[in-house]
Amino acid sequence: MKTTGPGIFDNDVAQGVRAEFNASVAEGLSVFAAAERILAKPIDFLKETDRDQIFLALAALQLEHGLIQPKVKKNALTIIILGDELERWEASAPESYEARKKVLQDLRERLTATLG
C-alpha cells in the first residue's frame, strides 16, 4: 500500500475504494449497494492493512452521504479502537503520527455521533 499522507484517502487502497464507490453511486446504486459491491470482493485474502483501509474509507464515504451501514460502522470503530492502524504510524515522524491520530479520532467521533 502506497501512502502519501495521514488522511483517510491518502493511500492507494482508499483512493481505489473512493473511485469505485463514487462510480457505483453515479451508476445509480444506493450508498449501501455501492459499499456492498466493494465488500463482495474477497477482502479476507487481502493484507490486514488493506482491509482496514477499505473499512475506514467506506465509513468516511458513507458519512459524507449521511448514511452508515452498521457493519461498516462496527468494523471502522473496531479498527480505530484497537489501535492497530495507528500503531503502523509509530515509526513515522511525530507530526505524521499525531496527524493520523487526529484523523482517526475525528472519524471515530463522527461515527459515534451517528445512528446505525
N, C-alpha and C. Protein backbone atom coordinates (compact mmCIF):
# COMPACT_ATOMS: atom_id res chain seq x y z
N MET A 1 0.85 -1.17 0.00
CA MET A 1 0.00 0.00 0.00
C MET A 1 0.89 1.23 0.00
N LYS A 2 0.64 2.10 -0.92
CA LYS A 2 1.38 3.36 -1.01
C LYS A 2 0.62 4.44 -0.25
N THR A 3 1.30 5.10 0.67
CA THR A 3 0.70 6.15 1.49
C THR A 3 1.37 7.47 1.19
N THR A 4 0.54 8.52 1.03
CA THR A 4 1.09 9.84 0.73
C THR A 4 0.86 10.85 1.84
N GLY A 5 0.07 10.49 2.86
CA GLY A 5 -0.22 11.40 3.95
C GLY A 5 -1.10 10.74 4.98
N PRO A 6 -1.49 11.47 6.03
CA PRO A 6 -2.24 10.89 7.14
C PRO A 6 -3.76 10.81 6.93
N GLY A 7 -4.27 11.39 5.87
CA GLY A 7 -5.72 11.40 5.65
C GLY A 7 -6.28 10.03 5.31
N ILE A 8 -7.56 9.87 5.49
CA ILE A 8 -8.22 8.60 5.20
C ILE A 8 -7.98 8.19 3.75
N PHE A 9 -7.98 9.13 2.83
CA PHE A 9 -7.83 8.81 1.41
C PHE A 9 -6.42 9.06 0.88
N ASP A 10 -5.46 9.15 1.78
CA ASP A 10 -4.08 9.39 1.38
C ASP A 10 -3.29 8.09 1.17
N ASN A 11 -3.96 7.08 0.62
CA ASN A 11 -3.28 5.85 0.24
C ASN A 11 -4.00 5.26 -0.96
N ASP A 12 -3.29 4.43 -1.69
CA ASP A 12 -3.85 3.92 -2.94
C ASP A 12 -5.06 3.01 -2.75
N VAL A 13 -5.11 2.27 -1.66
CA VAL A 13 -6.26 1.39 -1.42
C VAL A 13 -7.52 2.22 -1.22
N ALA A 14 -7.46 3.22 -0.34
CA ALA A 14 -8.62 4.07 -0.07
C ALA A 14 -9.03 4.87 -1.29
N GLN A 15 -8.06 5.31 -2.07
CA GLN A 15 -8.38 6.03 -3.30
C GLN A 15 -9.13 5.13 -4.28
N GLY A 16 -8.72 3.88 -4.36
CA GLY A 16 -9.42 2.93 -5.22
C GLY A 16 -10.84 2.67 -4.74
N VAL A 17 -11.01 2.57 -3.43
CA VAL A 17 -12.34 2.39 -2.85
C VAL A 17 -13.21 3.59 -3.18
N ARG A 18 -12.67 4.79 -3.01
CA ARG A 18 -13.44 6.00 -3.30
C ARG A 18 -13.86 6.06 -4.77
N ALA A 19 -12.93 5.73 -5.67
CA ALA A 19 -13.24 5.77 -7.09
C ALA A 19 -14.34 4.77 -7.43
N GLU A 20 -14.23 3.56 -6.92
CA GLU A 20 -15.24 2.54 -7.21
C GLU A 20 -16.59 2.88 -6.56
N PHE A 21 -16.56 3.37 -5.35
CA PHE A 21 -17.77 3.76 -4.64
C PHE A 21 -18.50 4.87 -5.39
N ASN A 22 -17.76 5.92 -5.75
CA ASN A 22 -18.37 7.05 -6.46
C ASN A 22 -18.89 6.63 -7.83
N ALA A 23 -18.18 5.76 -8.53
CA ALA A 23 -18.65 5.27 -9.82
C ALA A 23 -19.94 4.47 -9.65
N SER A 24 -20.01 3.67 -8.60
CA SER A 24 -21.21 2.87 -8.35
C SER A 24 -22.41 3.75 -8.04
N VAL A 25 -22.19 4.79 -7.24
CA VAL A 25 -23.28 5.73 -6.92
C VAL A 25 -23.70 6.48 -8.18
N ALA A 26 -22.74 6.86 -9.01
CA ALA A 26 -23.05 7.55 -10.26
C ALA A 26 -23.85 6.65 -11.21
N GLU A 27 -23.65 5.34 -11.10
CA GLU A 27 -24.42 4.38 -11.91
C GLU A 27 -25.85 4.23 -11.39
N GLY A 28 -26.12 4.77 -10.22
CA GLY A 28 -27.46 4.69 -9.67
C GLY A 28 -27.60 3.76 -8.47
N LEU A 29 -26.49 3.14 -8.04
CA LEU A 29 -26.57 2.29 -6.86
C LEU A 29 -26.73 3.15 -5.61
N SER A 30 -27.38 2.61 -4.61
CA SER A 30 -27.50 3.31 -3.34
C SER A 30 -26.15 3.30 -2.63
N VAL A 31 -26.03 4.10 -1.61
CA VAL A 31 -24.80 4.15 -0.81
C VAL A 31 -24.50 2.77 -0.24
N PHE A 32 -25.53 2.08 0.23
CA PHE A 32 -25.34 0.74 0.80
C PHE A 32 -24.95 -0.25 -0.28
N ALA A 33 -25.60 -0.19 -1.43
CA ALA A 33 -25.29 -1.13 -2.52
C ALA A 33 -23.89 -0.89 -3.07
N ALA A 34 -23.47 0.35 -3.11
CA ALA A 34 -22.11 0.66 -3.57
C ALA A 34 -21.08 0.05 -2.63
N ALA A 35 -21.33 0.15 -1.34
CA ALA A 35 -20.42 -0.45 -0.36
C ALA A 35 -20.44 -1.97 -0.46
N GLU A 36 -21.63 -2.52 -0.64
CA GLU A 36 -21.74 -3.99 -0.75
C GLU A 36 -20.99 -4.51 -1.97
N ARG A 37 -21.00 -3.75 -3.04
CA ARG A 37 -20.25 -4.15 -4.24
C ARG A 37 -18.76 -4.27 -3.91
N ILE A 38 -18.26 -3.33 -3.16
CA ILE A 38 -16.85 -3.36 -2.77
C ILE A 38 -16.58 -4.49 -1.78
N LEU A 39 -17.47 -4.64 -0.81
CA LEU A 39 -17.27 -5.67 0.21
C LEU A 39 -17.49 -7.08 -0.32
N ALA A 40 -18.14 -7.21 -1.47
CA ALA A 40 -18.37 -8.53 -2.06
C ALA A 40 -17.09 -9.14 -2.60
N LYS A 41 -16.09 -8.31 -2.78
CA LYS A 41 -14.79 -8.82 -3.24
C LYS A 41 -14.14 -9.58 -2.09
N PRO A 42 -13.29 -10.52 -2.38
CA PRO A 42 -12.69 -11.35 -1.32
C PRO A 42 -11.67 -10.60 -0.47
N ILE A 43 -12.14 -9.71 0.38
CA ILE A 43 -11.21 -8.91 1.19
C ILE A 43 -10.53 -9.73 2.28
N ASP A 44 -11.06 -10.89 2.60
CA ASP A 44 -10.42 -11.73 3.61
C ASP A 44 -9.02 -12.14 3.20
N PHE A 45 -8.76 -12.12 1.91
CA PHE A 45 -7.46 -12.55 1.41
C PHE A 45 -6.48 -11.40 1.26
N LEU A 46 -6.95 -10.19 1.49
CA LEU A 46 -6.07 -9.03 1.42
C LEU A 46 -5.24 -8.93 2.69
N LYS A 47 -4.19 -8.18 2.61
CA LYS A 47 -3.43 -7.89 3.81
C LYS A 47 -4.35 -7.15 4.78
N GLU A 48 -4.11 -7.35 6.06
CA GLU A 48 -4.95 -6.71 7.07
C GLU A 48 -4.94 -5.19 6.92
N THR A 49 -3.81 -4.62 6.54
CA THR A 49 -3.76 -3.17 6.38
C THR A 49 -4.68 -2.71 5.26
N ASP A 50 -4.75 -3.47 4.18
CA ASP A 50 -5.65 -3.13 3.08
C ASP A 50 -7.10 -3.25 3.53
N ARG A 51 -7.42 -4.30 4.25
CA ARG A 51 -8.78 -4.50 4.76
C ARG A 51 -9.18 -3.31 5.64
N ASP A 52 -8.28 -2.91 6.52
CA ASP A 52 -8.56 -1.77 7.39
C ASP A 52 -8.84 -0.51 6.58
N GLN A 53 -8.03 -0.28 5.55
CA GLN A 53 -8.21 0.92 4.72
C GLN A 53 -9.55 0.90 4.00
N ILE A 54 -9.99 -0.28 3.59
CA ILE A 54 -11.29 -0.41 2.92
C ILE A 54 -12.41 0.02 3.86
N PHE A 55 -12.41 -0.49 5.08
CA PHE A 55 -13.48 -0.14 6.01
C PHE A 55 -13.42 1.32 6.45
N LEU A 56 -12.23 1.84 6.67
CA LEU A 56 -12.12 3.26 7.04
C LEU A 56 -12.61 4.15 5.90
N ALA A 57 -12.25 3.80 4.67
CA ALA A 57 -12.69 4.59 3.51
C ALA A 57 -14.20 4.51 3.34
N LEU A 58 -14.75 3.31 3.44
CA LEU A 58 -16.20 3.16 3.30
C LEU A 58 -16.94 3.94 4.38
N ALA A 59 -16.43 3.91 5.59
CA ALA A 59 -17.08 4.65 6.67
C ALA A 59 -17.08 6.15 6.36
N ALA A 60 -15.95 6.67 5.94
CA ALA A 60 -15.86 8.10 5.61
C ALA A 60 -16.78 8.45 4.45
N LEU A 61 -16.81 7.60 3.43
CA LEU A 61 -17.68 7.85 2.27
C LEU A 61 -19.15 7.81 2.65
N GLN A 62 -19.54 6.83 3.43
CA GLN A 62 -20.94 6.74 3.83
C GLN A 62 -21.32 7.93 4.70
N LEU A 63 -20.43 8.36 5.57
CA LEU A 63 -20.72 9.54 6.39
C LEU A 63 -20.92 10.78 5.52
N GLU A 64 -20.15 10.88 4.44
CA GLU A 64 -20.32 12.01 3.51
C GLU A 64 -21.73 12.03 2.92
N HIS A 65 -22.32 10.86 2.80
CA HIS A 65 -23.67 10.74 2.23
C HIS A 65 -24.75 10.72 3.32
N GLY A 66 -24.34 10.81 4.56
CA GLY A 66 -25.30 10.86 5.66
C GLY A 66 -25.92 9.53 6.03
N LEU A 67 -25.34 8.44 5.56
CA LEU A 67 -25.83 7.10 5.86
C LEU A 67 -24.65 6.22 6.24
N ILE A 68 -24.85 5.33 7.20
CA ILE A 68 -23.77 4.42 7.57
C ILE A 68 -24.37 3.04 7.88
N GLN A 69 -23.81 2.04 7.24
CA GLN A 69 -24.24 0.67 7.49
C GLN A 69 -23.68 0.23 8.84
N PRO A 70 -24.45 -0.50 9.62
CA PRO A 70 -23.96 -0.96 10.92
C PRO A 70 -22.65 -1.76 10.82
N LYS A 71 -22.52 -2.62 9.83
CA LYS A 71 -21.28 -3.42 9.76
C LYS A 71 -20.08 -2.58 9.36
N VAL A 72 -20.28 -1.57 8.54
CA VAL A 72 -19.18 -0.67 8.18
C VAL A 72 -18.78 0.14 9.40
N LYS A 73 -19.77 0.66 10.11
CA LYS A 73 -19.50 1.43 11.32
C LYS A 73 -18.78 0.58 12.36
N LYS A 74 -19.27 -0.63 12.58
CA LYS A 74 -18.67 -1.51 13.58
C LYS A 74 -17.22 -1.83 13.24
N ASN A 75 -16.97 -2.18 12.00
CA ASN A 75 -15.61 -2.52 11.60
C ASN A 75 -14.68 -1.32 11.69
N ALA A 76 -15.12 -0.16 11.24
CA ALA A 76 -14.28 1.03 11.31
C ALA A 76 -13.98 1.41 12.76
N LEU A 77 -14.99 1.38 13.61
CA LEU A 77 -14.76 1.70 15.02
C LEU A 77 -13.82 0.69 15.67
N THR A 78 -13.99 -0.58 15.35
CA THR A 78 -13.11 -1.61 15.90
C THR A 78 -11.66 -1.36 15.49
N ILE A 79 -11.46 -1.04 14.24
CA ILE A 79 -10.11 -0.75 13.73
C ILE A 79 -9.50 0.42 14.50
N ILE A 80 -10.28 1.47 14.69
CA ILE A 80 -9.78 2.66 15.38
C ILE A 80 -9.53 2.38 16.85
N ILE A 81 -10.48 1.72 17.52
CA ILE A 81 -10.37 1.48 18.96
C ILE A 81 -9.23 0.52 19.29
N LEU A 82 -9.05 -0.53 18.49
CA LEU A 82 -7.97 -1.48 18.75
C LEU A 82 -6.60 -0.83 18.58
N GLY A 83 -6.50 0.18 17.74
CA GLY A 83 -5.27 0.93 17.60
C GLY A 83 -4.23 0.36 16.67
N ASP A 84 -4.51 -0.78 16.04
CA ASP A 84 -3.52 -1.37 15.14
C ASP A 84 -3.18 -0.44 13.99
N GLU A 85 -4.17 0.23 13.46
CA GLU A 85 -3.96 1.15 12.35
C GLU A 85 -3.03 2.28 12.78
N LEU A 86 -3.21 2.82 13.96
CA LEU A 86 -2.35 3.90 14.43
C LEU A 86 -0.95 3.39 14.76
N GLU A 87 -0.85 2.17 15.26
CA GLU A 87 0.46 1.59 15.57
C GLU A 87 1.36 1.56 14.34
N ARG A 88 0.78 1.38 13.18
CA ARG A 88 1.57 1.34 11.95
C ARG A 88 2.27 2.68 11.68
N TRP A 89 1.79 3.72 12.34
CA TRP A 89 2.34 5.07 12.14
C TRP A 89 3.39 5.44 13.19
N GLU A 90 3.63 4.57 14.16
CA GLU A 90 4.56 4.89 15.23
C GLU A 90 5.98 5.13 14.74
N ALA A 91 6.37 4.47 13.66
CA ALA A 91 7.73 4.65 13.12
C ALA A 91 7.85 5.93 12.29
N SER A 92 6.72 6.58 12.04
CA SER A 92 6.72 7.82 11.26
C SER A 92 7.21 8.98 12.12
N ALA A 93 7.42 10.10 11.48
CA ALA A 93 7.76 11.32 12.21
C ALA A 93 6.63 11.64 13.19
N PRO A 94 6.96 12.22 14.34
CA PRO A 94 5.93 12.53 15.34
C PRO A 94 4.77 13.36 14.77
N GLU A 95 5.07 14.27 13.85
CA GLU A 95 4.00 15.09 13.26
C GLU A 95 3.04 14.22 12.45
N SER A 96 3.59 13.27 11.73
CA SER A 96 2.75 12.38 10.91
C SER A 96 1.90 11.49 11.80
N TYR A 97 2.49 10.96 12.85
CA TYR A 97 1.76 10.12 13.80
C TYR A 97 0.61 10.89 14.42
N GLU A 98 0.90 12.10 14.90
CA GLU A 98 -0.14 12.92 15.53
C GLU A 98 -1.23 13.32 14.53
N ALA A 99 -0.84 13.58 13.29
CA ALA A 99 -1.83 13.93 12.27
C ALA A 99 -2.75 12.74 12.00
N ARG A 100 -2.19 11.54 11.88
CA ARG A 100 -3.02 10.35 11.66
C ARG A 100 -3.92 10.09 12.86
N LYS A 101 -3.39 10.27 14.05
CA LYS A 101 -4.17 10.09 15.27
C LYS A 101 -5.38 11.02 15.27
N LYS A 102 -5.16 12.27 14.86
CA LYS A 102 -6.25 13.25 14.81
C LYS A 102 -7.29 12.85 13.75
N VAL A 103 -6.84 12.38 12.60
CA VAL A 103 -7.76 11.94 11.53
C VAL A 103 -8.63 10.80 12.03
N LEU A 104 -8.01 9.81 12.67
CA LEU A 104 -8.76 8.66 13.17
C LEU A 104 -9.71 9.06 14.30
N GLN A 105 -9.27 9.95 15.18
CA GLN A 105 -10.13 10.41 16.26
C GLN A 105 -11.34 11.17 15.71
N ASP A 106 -11.12 11.98 14.70
CA ASP A 106 -12.21 12.71 14.06
C ASP A 106 -13.22 11.74 13.44
N LEU A 107 -12.72 10.72 12.75
CA LEU A 107 -13.62 9.73 12.16
C LEU A 107 -14.39 9.00 13.25
N ARG A 108 -13.71 8.65 14.33
CA ARG A 108 -14.37 7.97 15.45
C ARG A 108 -15.50 8.82 16.02
N GLU A 109 -15.23 10.10 16.21
CA GLU A 109 -16.24 11.00 16.76
C GLU A 109 -17.45 11.11 15.82
N ARG A 110 -17.19 11.22 14.53
CA ARG A 110 -18.29 11.30 13.57
C ARG A 110 -19.08 9.99 13.54
N LEU A 111 -18.40 8.86 13.66
CA LEU A 111 -19.09 7.56 13.65
C LEU A 111 -19.94 7.38 14.91
N THR A 112 -19.42 7.76 16.05
CA THR A 112 -20.17 7.57 17.29
C THR A 112 -21.33 8.55 17.41
N ALA A 113 -21.29 9.61 16.63
CA ALA A 113 -22.37 10.59 16.66
C ALA A 113 -23.54 10.19 15.75
N THR A 114 -23.37 9.11 14.98
CA THR A 114 -24.41 8.69 14.05
C THR A 114 -25.16 7.48 14.57
N LEU A 115 -26.38 7.35 14.11
CA LEU A 115 -27.16 6.15 14.40
C LEU A 115 -26.79 5.10 13.37
N GLY A 116 -27.03 3.87 13.68
CA GLY A 116 -26.78 2.80 12.70
C GLY A 116 -25.66 1.91 13.08
